Protein backbone atom coordinates (compact mmCIF):
# COMPACT_ATOMS: atom_id res chain seq x y z
CA MET A 1 102.50 32.05 35.96
CA ASP A 2 103.03 30.12 32.78
CA THR A 3 99.69 30.53 30.96
CA ALA A 4 100.50 27.54 28.74
CA LEU A 5 99.87 25.29 31.77
CA VAL A 6 96.47 26.80 32.58
CA PRO A 7 93.50 24.91 31.02
CA MET A 8 91.66 27.17 28.63
CA THR A 9 87.87 27.30 28.68
CA PRO A 10 86.53 26.53 25.19
CA ALA A 11 85.27 29.61 23.41
CA PRO A 12 81.50 29.88 22.86
CA VAL A 13 81.94 29.38 19.11
CA GLU A 14 84.00 26.24 19.68
CA ARG A 15 81.42 24.83 22.10
CA ALA A 16 78.65 25.57 19.61
CA ASN A 17 80.56 23.83 16.83
CA LYS A 18 81.13 20.77 19.01
CA ALA A 19 77.45 20.63 19.93
CA ALA A 20 76.43 20.87 16.28
CA ALA A 21 78.88 18.10 15.36
CA LEU A 22 77.51 15.95 18.18
CA VAL A 23 73.91 16.32 17.01
CA ALA A 24 74.93 15.56 13.42
CA SER A 25 76.77 12.41 14.54
CA PHE A 26 73.85 11.38 16.71
CA LEU A 27 71.40 11.57 13.80
CA ALA A 28 73.72 10.13 11.15
CA GLY A 29 73.04 6.67 9.76
CA ARG A 30 69.46 6.40 11.03
CA ASN A 31 66.63 5.22 8.83
CA GLU A 32 64.11 7.84 7.80
CA ARG A 33 61.49 6.88 10.39
CA THR A 34 63.93 6.77 13.33
CA LEU A 35 65.51 10.01 12.17
CA ARG A 36 62.14 11.74 12.13
CA ALA A 37 61.27 10.42 15.59
CA TYR A 38 64.59 11.56 17.13
CA ARG A 39 64.30 14.98 15.51
CA ASN A 40 60.78 15.42 16.87
CA ASP A 41 61.86 14.36 20.36
CA LEU A 42 64.90 16.64 20.40
CA GLU A 43 62.78 19.46 19.01
CA ASP A 44 60.46 19.15 22.01
CA PHE A 45 63.47 19.38 24.33
CA ARG A 46 64.65 22.45 22.39
CA SER A 47 61.23 24.04 22.79
CA TYR A 48 61.32 23.41 26.55
CA LEU A 49 64.72 25.12 26.81
CA LYS A 50 63.56 27.93 24.49
CA ALA A 51 66.78 27.40 22.51
CA GLY A 52 67.16 28.69 18.97
CA ASP A 53 67.70 25.21 17.53
CA VAL A 54 68.54 21.66 18.59
CA ASP A 55 72.27 22.36 18.35
CA GLU A 56 71.92 25.17 20.87
CA ALA A 57 69.82 22.95 23.13
CA ALA A 58 72.61 20.35 23.09
CA ARG A 59 75.19 23.04 23.90
CA ILE A 60 73.11 24.29 26.85
CA LEU A 61 72.74 20.78 28.25
CA LEU A 62 76.39 19.86 27.83
CA SER A 63 77.57 23.13 29.36
CA ARG A 64 76.02 22.12 32.69
CA GLY A 65 77.78 19.90 35.17
CA HIS A 66 76.61 16.45 36.16
CA GLY A 67 74.16 17.62 38.82
CA GLU A 68 72.81 20.63 36.94
CA ALA A 69 72.30 18.69 33.71
CA ASN A 70 70.38 15.96 35.51
CA ALA A 71 68.32 18.57 37.36
CA LEU A 72 67.50 20.18 34.01
CA VAL A 73 66.33 16.88 32.50
CA LEU A 74 64.39 16.08 35.68
CA ALA A 75 62.57 19.41 35.31
CA TYR A 76 61.94 18.59 31.63
CA ARG A 77 60.37 15.28 32.66
CA ALA A 78 58.12 17.10 35.15
CA ASP A 79 57.10 19.54 32.42
CA MET A 80 56.09 16.70 30.10
CA VAL A 81 54.07 15.09 32.90
CA GLY A 82 52.41 18.47 33.48
CA ARG A 83 51.45 18.53 29.80
CA LYS A 84 49.75 15.16 30.39
CA LEU A 85 51.84 13.36 27.78
CA GLN A 86 51.60 9.58 27.68
CA ALA A 87 54.26 7.74 29.68
CA ALA A 88 55.52 6.11 26.48
CA THR A 89 56.04 9.54 24.88
CA VAL A 90 57.80 10.93 27.97
CA ASN A 91 60.09 7.90 28.16
CA ARG A 92 60.94 8.02 24.46
CA ARG A 93 61.94 11.68 24.71
CA LEU A 94 64.00 11.04 27.82
CA ALA A 95 65.72 8.19 25.99
CA ALA A 96 66.63 10.55 23.13
CA VAL A 97 68.26 13.02 25.53
CA ARG A 98 70.06 10.25 27.42
CA SER A 99 71.36 8.77 24.17
CA LEU A 100 72.63 12.14 22.98
CA VAL A 101 74.59 12.64 26.21
CA LYS A 102 75.82 9.04 26.11
CA LEU A 103 77.36 9.75 22.70
CA ALA A 104 78.90 12.96 24.06
CA ARG A 105 80.47 10.94 26.87
CA THR A 106 81.75 8.34 24.39
CA LEU A 107 83.38 11.14 22.40
CA GLY A 108 85.02 12.58 25.51
CA MET A 109 82.95 15.76 25.55
CA VAL A 110 81.60 15.19 29.07
CA PRO A 111 82.54 12.73 31.86
CA TRP A 112 78.97 12.24 33.13
CA SER A 113 75.64 10.83 31.98
CA ILE A 114 71.94 11.53 32.40
CA GLU A 115 70.52 9.33 35.13
CA VAL A 116 66.91 10.55 35.16
CA GLU A 117 64.71 7.46 35.10
CA ASN A 118 61.70 6.73 32.94
CA LEU A 119 58.15 6.97 34.15
CA LYS A 120 56.53 3.69 35.02
CA ALA A 121 54.56 2.81 31.92
CA GLN A 122 51.25 1.04 32.27
CA ALA A 123 50.71 -2.23 30.45
CA TYR A 124 48.27 -2.31 27.57
CA ARG A 125 44.76 -1.99 28.94
CA ASP A 126 42.73 -2.13 25.73
CA THR A 127 44.23 -4.61 23.28
CA ARG A 128 40.98 -5.37 21.50
CA GLY A 129 40.67 -2.21 19.42
CA PRO A 130 37.32 -1.73 17.66
CA GLY A 131 36.90 -5.50 17.24
CA ARG A 132 35.61 -7.42 14.24
CA GLN A 133 32.28 -5.61 14.09
CA GLY A 134 33.95 -2.23 14.50
CA PHE A 135 36.30 -2.94 11.61
CA ARG A 136 33.37 -3.96 9.41
CA ARG A 137 31.59 -0.71 10.26
CA LEU A 138 34.70 1.28 9.28
CA MET A 139 34.93 -0.56 5.96
CA GLU A 140 31.24 0.04 5.31
CA GLU A 141 31.66 3.73 6.06
CA ALA A 142 34.61 3.98 3.67
CA GLY A 143 32.58 2.06 1.07
CA ARG A 144 29.77 4.61 1.01
CA ARG A 145 31.79 6.47 -1.62
CA THR A 146 33.62 5.24 -4.70
CA ASP A 147 36.03 8.13 -5.31
CA ARG A 148 39.83 7.81 -5.17
CA LYS A 149 40.01 8.86 -1.54
CA ALA A 150 37.55 6.14 -0.53
CA LEU A 151 39.57 3.52 -2.41
CA ARG A 152 42.73 4.73 -0.67
CA ASP A 153 41.03 4.64 2.74
CA ARG A 154 39.79 1.07 2.27
CA ALA A 155 43.28 -0.10 1.28
CA VAL A 156 44.76 1.65 4.33
CA LEU A 157 42.22 0.09 6.67
CA ARG A 158 42.95 -3.36 5.22
CA LEU A 159 46.69 -3.04 5.80
CA LEU A 160 46.26 -1.76 9.35
CA HIS A 161 43.89 -4.57 10.28
CA ASP A 162 44.65 -7.56 8.04
CA LEU A 163 48.44 -7.36 8.31
CA ALA A 164 48.49 -5.55 11.69
CA LEU A 165 50.75 -2.89 10.21
CA ARG A 166 51.76 0.12 12.26
CA ARG A 167 50.81 3.60 11.10
CA ALA A 168 54.43 4.49 10.23
CA GLU A 169 54.83 1.26 8.27
CA VAL A 170 51.79 2.07 6.12
CA VAL A 171 52.69 5.66 5.26
CA ALA A 172 56.31 4.68 4.43
CA LEU A 173 55.21 2.33 1.64
CA ASP A 174 56.19 3.15 -1.93
CA MET A 175 54.78 1.74 -5.16
CA GLU A 176 57.85 -0.44 -5.54
CA ASP A 177 57.04 -2.14 -2.24
CA VAL A 178 53.84 -3.71 -3.61
CA ASP A 179 53.92 -6.77 -5.86
CA LEU A 180 50.36 -7.67 -6.77
CA GLU A 181 51.49 -10.42 -9.11
CA SER A 182 53.16 -12.37 -6.30
CA GLY A 183 50.68 -11.07 -3.73
CA SER A 184 53.16 -9.48 -1.36
CA VAL A 185 54.17 -6.18 0.20
CA THR A 186 57.59 -5.22 1.53
CA ILE A 187 57.75 -3.16 4.71
CA LEU A 188 60.39 -1.63 6.94
CA GLY A 189 59.32 -2.80 10.39
CA LYS A 190 59.75 -0.94 13.64
CA GLY A 191 63.37 -0.95 14.78
CA ARG A 192 64.49 -2.84 11.67
CA THR A 193 67.17 -1.85 9.19
CA GLN A 194 66.14 -4.27 6.44
CA LYS A 195 62.77 -4.62 4.78
CA GLU A 196 60.73 -7.80 5.11
CA ARG A 197 58.23 -9.29 2.68
CA LEU A 198 54.70 -10.06 3.87
CA SER A 199 52.06 -12.08 2.03
CA LEU A 200 48.84 -10.30 1.10
CA PRO A 201 45.52 -12.01 1.85
CA GLU A 202 43.12 -11.88 -1.10
CA PRO A 203 40.78 -9.18 0.36
CA THR A 204 43.80 -6.98 1.18
CA LYS A 205 45.30 -7.56 -2.25
CA ALA A 206 41.98 -6.67 -3.91
CA ALA A 207 41.70 -3.41 -1.93
CA LEU A 208 45.27 -2.47 -2.90
CA ALA A 209 44.62 -3.34 -6.55
CA SER A 210 41.55 -1.08 -6.64
CA TRP A 211 43.51 1.79 -5.13
CA ILE A 212 46.46 1.34 -7.50
CA ASP A 213 44.10 1.26 -10.49
CA ALA A 214 42.85 4.68 -9.38
CA ARG A 215 46.26 6.00 -8.33
CA GLY A 216 48.26 4.83 -11.31
CA THR A 217 51.52 2.93 -11.27
CA ALA A 218 53.92 5.88 -11.30
CA PRO A 219 56.80 5.54 -8.83
CA GLY A 220 56.58 7.33 -5.52
CA PRO A 221 54.56 7.11 -2.30
CA LEU A 222 51.88 4.42 -2.35
CA PHE A 223 49.36 6.47 -0.40
CA LEU A 224 48.77 10.07 -1.39
CA ASN A 225 47.30 13.02 0.47
CA PHE A 226 43.99 14.47 -0.75
CA ASP A 227 43.91 17.50 1.55
CA ARG A 228 44.41 20.93 0.00
CA ALA A 229 47.62 21.67 1.87
CA GLY A 230 49.53 18.58 0.75
CA LYS A 231 47.51 17.26 -2.16
CA GLY A 232 49.46 14.73 -4.19
CA GLU A 233 52.20 14.35 -1.57
CA ARG A 234 52.82 11.33 0.68
CA LEU A 235 50.10 10.67 3.24
CA THR A 236 51.66 11.47 6.62
CA GLY A 237 51.25 9.63 9.89
CA THR A 238 49.11 12.48 11.19
CA GLY A 239 47.03 12.39 8.03
CA LEU A 240 46.44 8.66 8.40
CA TYR A 241 45.45 9.15 12.04
CA LEU A 242 42.84 11.71 10.97
CA VAL A 243 41.52 9.41 8.24
CA VAL A 244 40.86 6.61 10.74
CA ARG A 245 39.55 8.93 13.42
CA ASP A 246 37.08 10.62 11.08
CA LEU A 247 35.82 7.34 9.62
CA GLY A 248 35.37 6.10 13.16
CA ARG A 249 33.34 9.13 14.15
CA LYS A 250 31.05 8.68 11.15
CA ALA A 251 30.61 5.03 12.11
CA GLY A 252 29.89 5.95 15.74
CA LEU A 253 33.25 4.65 16.99
CA THR A 254 36.26 6.08 18.77
CA VAL A 255 39.18 4.47 16.98
CA ARG A 256 42.80 5.15 16.06
CA PRO A 257 45.18 3.40 13.65
CA HIS A 258 46.92 1.35 16.34
CA GLY A 259 43.51 0.14 17.49
CA LEU A 260 43.13 -1.62 14.15
CA ARG A 261 46.45 -3.36 14.72
CA HIS A 262 45.18 -4.38 18.17
CA ALA A 263 41.99 -5.70 16.57
CA GLY A 264 43.94 -7.72 14.00
CA ILE A 265 46.20 -9.30 16.61
CA THR A 266 43.30 -10.15 18.92
CA GLU A 267 41.40 -11.65 15.99
CA ALA A 268 44.48 -13.68 15.06
CA LEU A 269 44.67 -15.12 18.59
CA ASP A 270 40.97 -15.99 18.46
CA LEU A 271 41.23 -17.71 15.08
CA THR A 272 44.37 -19.68 15.99
CA ASN A 273 43.09 -20.74 19.42
CA GLY A 274 45.77 -18.69 21.15
CA ASN A 275 48.75 -19.85 19.07
CA ILE A 276 51.10 -17.20 20.40
CA ARG A 277 54.08 -18.40 18.37
CA ALA A 278 52.18 -18.08 15.08
CA VAL A 279 50.72 -14.71 16.05
CA GLN A 280 54.16 -13.45 17.04
CA ARG A 281 55.26 -14.03 13.44
CA TYR A 282 52.12 -12.28 12.23
CA SER A 283 52.37 -9.27 14.55
CA ARG A 284 56.19 -9.02 14.40
CA HIS A 285 56.33 -8.37 18.15
CA ARG A 286 59.78 -9.20 19.46
CA ASP A 287 58.66 -9.53 23.06
CA MET A 288 56.42 -12.55 23.67
CA ARG A 289 55.21 -10.98 26.92
CA ILE A 290 53.23 -8.39 24.96
CA LEU A 291 51.30 -11.13 23.19
CA ASN A 292 50.63 -12.76 26.54
CA LEU A 293 48.93 -9.51 27.55
CA TYR A 294 46.80 -9.65 24.40
CA ASP A 295 45.90 -13.25 25.15
CA ASP A 296 45.08 -12.51 28.80
CA ASN A 297 42.83 -9.61 27.81
CA ARG A 298 41.20 -11.73 25.11
CA THR A 299 40.36 -14.66 27.35
CA ASP A 300 39.99 -12.97 30.77
CA LEU A 301 41.80 -15.83 32.51
CA GLY A 302 41.80 -13.92 35.79
CA GLY A 303 38.04 -13.51 35.62
CA ASP A 304 37.54 -17.20 34.83
CA VAL A 305 39.58 -18.20 37.90
CA ALA A 306 37.75 -15.67 40.07
CA ARG A 307 34.43 -17.19 39.04
CA LEU A 308 35.69 -20.68 39.90
CA VAL A 309 36.90 -19.54 43.33
CA ALA A 310 33.62 -17.74 44.03
CA ALA A 311 31.54 -20.74 42.94
CA ASN A 312 33.59 -23.13 45.07
CA ALA A 313 33.10 -20.97 48.16
């Protein structure tokens, strides 16, 4: 038999090199926040497979056939459910794996795709957050001290609530993103590739000014870490979560950063008499349906109708 006509199975080293190149291509060109999210999601998949690194995890997945690869991802989904991860987290990690394989298919590495479906995610239940009074209690708690950390915390709380910023948007801010003279801050929004400029309300601007007076105007991250392990480095998303959680506990509240965004958006709907178009610009939500959920939860339209029906009967 003429061996030149027999398809050769790629050597293990060649397969490993292709997998590494695939992962590199998949991560290339992403902004810092998206890159970090994809790396974290693929790292979880790697941990599930007990692979040495993400490249090896990709090689293991791609070495399976259509059915086996989908069975593997289906088992991974079941594992995440067993760990009681939120549906949004499970779906995001599945999307990362599907996207990686989609790129492999585009590049001709495999002829199949991952068809494991997302979990059914529940709609927002609590869109109110801590509310107006809860936010005031958090600010009062942060105001019990006057040290640099307290000034930082008050500025962070203001951005989360007053501008409805997301946790990742706050920690990504650099000194160059703040212009106190014009009263604006420039952020890189979720899923965006270009920064957008937002106006600062006077109380928010004042809180930022107080923090910057204490921080100094040197270039670098706007919000710094005060913990021993990372003192002087950029405040991380986890660090910001702990700041809000701990302030909430001291104020007798259970609260997280995104709850302050919820509170800001709900407050905006209250103050604008439900002007969803205006609040969409404020919240930077692309999907109007999400704001309809906020508005429904704010006004309890279903409950109002139920009371009318009951009274009429």
